Amino acid sequence: MATKKDLPKEAKIKKEVARLKRVLKDLDKNKLQIVEPLIKNAAFMAVSLPELEAIINEQGYTSEYQNGANQFGTKQSEEVKTHIAMTKNLAAVLKTLADIAPPVKKKESRLQALRDE
């Protein structure tokens, strides 16, 4: 069986979508249909972030630029900017999904059952 790193990106996204849907399995069907795009976006971002991190680790956090003949410098790389934006977006989407998710039903303990009698 292929490990998680060996899977193609689409397969990783499908696994993440399935995982998020399991978390939201008790959600009303209408709400689940409404949040379906959020689930897909969250899965895409969750799979893409490690890829961006690998690129950043390989190429570094900065890139050099040249404006004109004599103006050189370094700036934050595009991958880092994308990573920062995607991390913020993923956090916002996950917070939205967490707020929508129904609370976990706790199993009542025997002691609580005795108290309730």
N, C-alpha and C. Protein backbone atom coordinates (compact mmCIF):
# COMPACT_ATOMS: atom_id res chain seq x y z
N MET A 1 0.85 -1.19 0.00
CA MET A 1 0.00 0.00 0.00
C MET A 1 0.88 1.24 0.00
N ALA A 2 0.50 2.23 -0.75
CA ALA A 2 1.27 3.46 -0.85
C ALA A 2 1.14 4.27 0.43
N THR A 3 2.24 4.89 0.82
CA THR A 3 2.19 5.75 1.99
C THR A 3 1.56 7.07 1.61
N LYS A 4 1.26 7.88 2.62
CA LYS A 4 0.58 9.15 2.37
C LYS A 4 1.40 10.06 1.45
N LYS A 5 2.73 10.02 1.60
CA LYS A 5 3.58 10.87 0.77
C LYS A 5 3.62 10.40 -0.68
N ASP A 6 3.40 9.10 -0.92
CA ASP A 6 3.49 8.55 -2.26
C ASP A 6 2.23 8.80 -3.09
N LEU A 7 1.12 9.11 -2.45
CA LEU A 7 -0.14 9.28 -3.16
C LEU A 7 -0.10 10.53 -4.04
N PRO A 8 -0.78 10.49 -5.20
CA PRO A 8 -0.88 11.72 -6.00
C PRO A 8 -1.72 12.77 -5.26
N LYS A 9 -1.56 14.00 -5.65
CA LYS A 9 -2.22 15.11 -4.95
C LYS A 9 -3.73 14.94 -4.90
N GLU A 10 -4.34 14.53 -6.00
CA GLU A 10 -5.80 14.35 -6.02
C GLU A 10 -6.26 13.30 -5.01
N ALA A 11 -5.49 12.23 -4.87
CA ALA A 11 -5.84 11.18 -3.90
C ALA A 11 -5.72 11.71 -2.47
N LYS A 12 -4.69 12.51 -2.22
CA LYS A 12 -4.52 13.11 -0.89
C LYS A 12 -5.69 14.03 -0.56
N ILE A 13 -6.12 14.80 -1.56
CA ILE A 13 -7.24 15.72 -1.36
C ILE A 13 -8.51 14.93 -1.07
N LYS A 14 -8.74 13.85 -1.81
CA LYS A 14 -9.93 13.02 -1.57
C LYS A 14 -9.91 12.43 -0.17
N LYS A 15 -8.73 11.99 0.30
CA LYS A 15 -8.62 11.44 1.66
C LYS A 15 -8.94 12.51 2.70
N GLU A 16 -8.46 13.72 2.46
CA GLU A 16 -8.70 14.82 3.41
C GLU A 16 -10.17 15.22 3.39
N VAL A 17 -10.80 15.23 2.22
CA VAL A 17 -12.24 15.52 2.13
C VAL A 17 -13.01 14.47 2.92
N ALA A 18 -12.66 13.21 2.75
CA ALA A 18 -13.34 12.13 3.48
C ALA A 18 -13.15 12.29 4.98
N ARG A 19 -11.94 12.67 5.40
CA ARG A 19 -11.68 12.86 6.84
C ARG A 19 -12.53 13.99 7.40
N LEU A 20 -12.59 15.10 6.68
CA LEU A 20 -13.39 16.24 7.15
C LEU A 20 -14.88 15.89 7.17
N LYS A 21 -15.33 15.13 6.18
CA LYS A 21 -16.74 14.73 6.17
C LYS A 21 -17.06 13.80 7.33
N ARG A 22 -16.10 12.95 7.71
CA ARG A 22 -16.32 12.09 8.89
C ARG A 22 -16.48 12.94 10.15
N VAL A 23 -15.70 13.99 10.25
CA VAL A 23 -15.80 14.89 11.40
C VAL A 23 -17.17 15.55 11.43
N LEU A 24 -17.70 15.86 10.26
CA LEU A 24 -18.98 16.56 10.15
C LEU A 24 -20.14 15.62 9.84
N LYS A 25 -19.99 14.34 10.12
CA LYS A 25 -21.00 13.35 9.72
C LYS A 25 -22.35 13.58 10.38
N ASP A 26 -22.40 14.17 11.56
CA ASP A 26 -23.67 14.40 12.25
C ASP A 26 -24.34 15.71 11.83
N LEU A 27 -23.75 16.40 10.89
CA LEU A 27 -24.30 17.67 10.43
C LEU A 27 -25.53 17.43 9.55
N ASP A 28 -26.49 18.32 9.66
CA ASP A 28 -27.70 18.28 8.83
C ASP A 28 -27.30 18.23 7.35
N LYS A 29 -28.02 17.43 6.55
CA LYS A 29 -27.67 17.26 5.13
C LYS A 29 -27.66 18.58 4.37
N ASN A 30 -28.60 19.46 4.67
CA ASN A 30 -28.64 20.76 3.98
C ASN A 30 -27.39 21.58 4.30
N LYS A 31 -27.00 21.61 5.56
CA LYS A 31 -25.80 22.34 5.95
C LYS A 31 -24.56 21.71 5.32
N LEU A 32 -24.55 20.38 5.27
CA LEU A 32 -23.41 19.69 4.68
C LEU A 32 -23.25 20.06 3.21
N GLN A 33 -24.36 20.18 2.50
CA GLN A 33 -24.30 20.59 1.09
C GLN A 33 -23.79 22.02 0.96
N ILE A 34 -24.17 22.86 1.91
CA ILE A 34 -23.73 24.26 1.87
C ILE A 34 -22.23 24.37 2.12
N VAL A 35 -21.71 23.58 3.06
CA VAL A 35 -20.30 23.68 3.42
C VAL A 35 -19.40 22.79 2.56
N GLU A 36 -19.97 22.06 1.62
CA GLU A 36 -19.17 21.19 0.75
C GLU A 36 -18.02 21.93 0.06
N PRO A 37 -18.24 23.13 -0.50
CA PRO A 37 -17.10 23.86 -1.10
C PRO A 37 -16.03 24.22 -0.07
N LEU A 38 -16.45 24.55 1.15
CA LEU A 38 -15.47 24.86 2.20
C LEU A 38 -14.63 23.63 2.53
N ILE A 39 -15.28 22.47 2.57
CA ILE A 39 -14.57 21.23 2.86
C ILE A 39 -13.53 20.96 1.77
N LYS A 40 -13.92 21.14 0.52
CA LYS A 40 -13.00 20.90 -0.60
C LYS A 40 -11.84 21.90 -0.57
N ASN A 41 -12.15 23.17 -0.26
CA ASN A 41 -11.08 24.17 -0.17
C ASN A 41 -10.12 23.86 0.97
N ALA A 42 -10.67 23.47 2.11
CA ALA A 42 -9.83 23.13 3.26
C ALA A 42 -8.94 21.94 2.93
N ALA A 43 -9.48 20.95 2.27
CA ALA A 43 -8.70 19.77 1.90
C ALA A 43 -7.58 20.15 0.94
N PHE A 44 -7.89 20.98 -0.06
CA PHE A 44 -6.87 21.42 -1.01
C PHE A 44 -5.74 22.16 -0.29
N MET A 45 -6.11 23.08 0.59
CA MET A 45 -5.10 23.86 1.29
C MET A 45 -4.27 22.99 2.23
N ALA A 46 -4.93 22.05 2.92
CA ALA A 46 -4.21 21.18 3.85
C ALA A 46 -3.20 20.31 3.11
N VAL A 47 -3.50 19.92 1.89
CA VAL A 47 -2.58 19.10 1.10
C VAL A 47 -1.50 19.97 0.45
N SER A 48 -1.85 21.17 0.06
CA SER A 48 -0.91 22.04 -0.65
C SER A 48 0.13 22.68 0.28
N LEU A 49 -0.23 22.94 1.52
CA LEU A 49 0.71 23.60 2.43
C LEU A 49 2.01 22.82 2.62
N PRO A 50 1.97 21.51 2.85
CA PRO A 50 3.25 20.79 2.98
C PRO A 50 4.11 20.86 1.71
N GLU A 51 3.47 20.90 0.54
CA GLU A 51 4.23 21.05 -0.70
C GLU A 51 4.93 22.41 -0.75
N LEU A 52 4.21 23.45 -0.35
CA LEU A 52 4.82 24.78 -0.30
C LEU A 52 5.97 24.82 0.70
N GLU A 53 5.77 24.17 1.84
CA GLU A 53 6.82 24.13 2.87
C GLU A 53 8.08 23.46 2.33
N ALA A 54 7.92 22.40 1.56
CA ALA A 54 9.08 21.72 0.97
C ALA A 54 9.81 22.65 0.00
N ILE A 55 9.06 23.39 -0.80
CA ILE A 55 9.68 24.33 -1.74
C ILE A 55 10.42 25.43 -0.98
N ILE A 56 9.79 25.94 0.08
CA ILE A 56 10.42 27.00 0.88
C ILE A 56 11.69 26.48 1.54
N ASN A 57 11.65 25.26 2.08
CA ASN A 57 12.84 24.69 2.71
C ASN A 57 13.97 24.50 1.71
N GLU A 58 13.61 24.17 0.48
CA GLU A 58 14.62 23.93 -0.56
C GLU A 58 15.19 25.24 -1.11
N GLN A 59 14.32 26.21 -1.38
CA GLN A 59 14.75 27.43 -2.07
C GLN A 59 15.00 28.61 -1.13
N GLY A 60 14.54 28.52 0.10
CA GLY A 60 14.74 29.61 1.04
C GLY A 60 13.55 30.54 1.12
N TYR A 61 13.63 31.47 2.07
CA TYR A 61 12.51 32.38 2.35
C TYR A 61 12.54 33.64 1.50
N THR A 62 13.69 33.95 0.92
CA THR A 62 13.82 35.19 0.16
C THR A 62 14.22 34.89 -1.28
N SER A 63 13.97 35.85 -2.13
CA SER A 63 14.43 35.76 -3.52
C SER A 63 15.04 37.11 -3.90
N GLU A 64 15.96 37.07 -4.84
CA GLU A 64 16.61 38.30 -5.27
C GLU A 64 15.86 38.90 -6.44
N TYR A 65 15.92 40.22 -6.53
CA TYR A 65 15.25 40.90 -7.64
C TYR A 65 16.16 41.99 -8.19
N GLN A 66 15.83 42.44 -9.41
CA GLN A 66 16.57 43.53 -10.04
C GLN A 66 15.58 44.48 -10.67
N ASN A 67 15.61 45.73 -10.23
CA ASN A 67 14.81 46.79 -10.84
C ASN A 67 15.77 47.73 -11.57
N GLY A 68 15.78 47.65 -12.85
CA GLY A 68 16.68 48.52 -13.60
C GLY A 68 18.10 47.99 -13.62
N ALA A 69 19.03 48.85 -13.99
CA ALA A 69 20.42 48.43 -14.17
C ALA A 69 21.17 48.26 -12.86
N ASN A 70 20.92 49.14 -11.89
CA ASN A 70 21.74 49.13 -10.68
C ASN A 70 20.98 48.85 -9.40
N GLN A 71 19.72 48.57 -9.47
CA GLN A 71 18.94 48.38 -8.25
C GLN A 71 18.68 46.88 -8.04
N PHE A 72 19.34 46.33 -7.01
CA PHE A 72 19.20 44.93 -6.66
C PHE A 72 18.71 44.83 -5.22
N GLY A 73 18.20 43.70 -4.86
CA GLY A 73 17.79 43.49 -3.48
C GLY A 73 17.21 42.11 -3.28
N THR A 74 16.74 41.91 -2.07
CA THR A 74 16.06 40.64 -1.75
C THR A 74 14.67 40.97 -1.25
N LYS A 75 13.77 40.05 -1.49
CA LYS A 75 12.40 40.21 -1.02
C LYS A 75 11.87 38.85 -0.60
N GLN A 76 10.76 38.88 0.07
CA GLN A 76 10.10 37.65 0.48
C GLN A 76 9.70 36.88 -0.79
N SER A 77 9.97 35.58 -0.81
CA SER A 77 9.66 34.81 -2.02
C SER A 77 8.15 34.67 -2.20
N GLU A 78 7.75 34.42 -3.42
CA GLU A 78 6.32 34.27 -3.74
C GLU A 78 5.73 33.06 -3.02
N GLU A 79 6.54 32.01 -2.86
CA GLU A 79 6.06 30.82 -2.15
C GLU A 79 5.74 31.14 -0.70
N VAL A 80 6.57 31.97 -0.07
CA VAL A 80 6.33 32.36 1.32
C VAL A 80 5.05 33.18 1.42
N LYS A 81 4.86 34.12 0.49
CA LYS A 81 3.64 34.92 0.49
C LYS A 81 2.41 34.03 0.31
N THR A 82 2.50 33.08 -0.60
CA THR A 82 1.39 32.16 -0.83
C THR A 82 1.14 31.31 0.41
N HIS A 83 2.21 30.85 1.05
CA HIS A 83 2.08 30.02 2.25
C HIS A 83 1.38 30.79 3.37
N ILE A 84 1.78 32.02 3.57
CA ILE A 84 1.17 32.85 4.62
C ILE A 84 -0.32 33.05 4.34
N ALA A 85 -0.65 33.41 3.11
CA ALA A 85 -2.06 33.64 2.75
C ALA A 85 -2.87 32.35 2.88
N MET A 86 -2.30 31.24 2.42
CA MET A 86 -3.03 29.98 2.46
C MET A 86 -3.22 29.51 3.91
N THR A 87 -2.24 29.74 4.76
CA THR A 87 -2.37 29.36 6.17
C THR A 87 -3.49 30.15 6.83
N LYS A 88 -3.55 31.45 6.56
CA LYS A 88 -4.63 32.28 7.12
C LYS A 88 -5.99 31.82 6.61
N ASN A 89 -6.07 31.53 5.32
CA ASN A 89 -7.34 31.07 4.74
C ASN A 89 -7.76 29.72 5.30
N LEU A 90 -6.81 28.81 5.46
CA LEU A 90 -7.12 27.50 6.02
C LEU A 90 -7.62 27.63 7.45
N ALA A 91 -6.97 28.49 8.23
CA ALA A 91 -7.41 28.70 9.62
C ALA A 91 -8.84 29.24 9.66
N ALA A 92 -9.15 30.17 8.77
CA ALA A 92 -10.50 30.74 8.73
C ALA A 92 -11.54 29.70 8.33
N VAL A 93 -11.22 28.89 7.32
CA VAL A 93 -12.15 27.86 6.87
C VAL A 93 -12.36 26.80 7.95
N LEU A 94 -11.26 26.37 8.59
CA LEU A 94 -11.39 25.37 9.65
C LEU A 94 -12.17 25.90 10.84
N LYS A 95 -12.01 27.18 11.16
CA LYS A 95 -12.78 27.77 12.25
C LYS A 95 -14.26 27.78 11.89
N THR A 96 -14.57 28.13 10.65
CA THR A 96 -15.96 28.12 10.20
C THR A 96 -16.55 26.71 10.29
N LEU A 97 -15.80 25.72 9.83
CA LEU A 97 -16.28 24.34 9.90
C LEU A 97 -16.43 23.88 11.34
N ALA A 98 -15.51 24.28 12.20
CA ALA A 98 -15.60 23.90 13.61
C ALA A 98 -16.81 24.55 14.28
N ASP A 99 -17.11 25.78 13.91
CA ASP A 99 -18.28 26.46 14.48
C ASP A 99 -19.58 25.82 14.02
N ILE A 100 -19.60 25.31 12.79
CA ILE A 100 -20.80 24.68 12.24
C ILE A 100 -20.98 23.26 12.77
N ALA A 101 -19.88 22.60 13.07
CA ALA A 101 -19.93 21.19 13.49
C ALA A 101 -20.77 21.04 14.76
N PRO A 102 -21.61 20.01 14.80
CA PRO A 102 -22.40 19.78 16.01
C PRO A 102 -21.49 19.31 17.14
N PRO A 103 -21.87 19.61 18.38
CA PRO A 103 -21.02 19.18 19.50
C PRO A 103 -20.97 17.65 19.57
N VAL A 104 -19.85 17.15 20.06
CA VAL A 104 -19.67 15.71 20.21
C VAL A 104 -20.58 15.22 21.32
N LYS A 105 -21.29 14.15 21.04
CA LYS A 105 -22.16 13.58 22.06
C LYS A 105 -21.31 12.78 23.03
N LYS A 106 -21.33 13.21 24.28
CA LYS A 106 -20.54 12.52 25.29
C LYS A 106 -21.35 11.36 25.84
N LYS A 107 -20.65 10.28 26.06
CA LYS A 107 -21.28 9.12 26.65
C LYS A 107 -21.49 9.41 28.13
N GLU A 108 -22.70 9.18 28.60
CA GLU A 108 -23.01 9.46 29.99
C GLU A 108 -22.37 8.41 30.88
N SER A 109 -21.69 8.87 31.91
CA SER A 109 -21.04 7.93 32.81
C SER A 109 -22.07 7.27 33.73
N ARG A 110 -21.68 6.16 34.29
CA ARG A 110 -22.59 5.45 35.20
C ARG A 110 -22.87 6.30 36.44
N LEU A 111 -21.86 7.04 36.89
CA LEU A 111 -22.05 7.90 38.05
C LEU A 111 -23.09 8.97 37.75
N GLN A 112 -23.01 9.57 36.57
CA GLN A 112 -23.98 10.58 36.18
C GLN A 112 -25.38 9.98 36.08
N ALA A 113 -25.48 8.77 35.57
CA ALA A 113 -26.78 8.09 35.46
C ALA A 113 -27.37 7.85 36.84
N LEU A 114 -26.53 7.49 37.80
CA LEU A 114 -27.02 7.27 39.17
C LEU A 114 -27.49 8.58 39.79
N ARG A 115 -26.77 9.67 39.51
CA ARG A 115 -27.17 10.97 40.05
C ARG A 115 -28.50 11.42 39.48
N ASP A 116 -28.73 11.13 38.22
CA ASP A 116 -29.96 11.57 37.55
C ASP A 116 -31.19 10.81 38.01
N GLU A 117 -31.01 9.65 38.61
CA GLU A 117 -32.17 8.84 39.03
C GLU A 117 -32.90 9.44 40.19
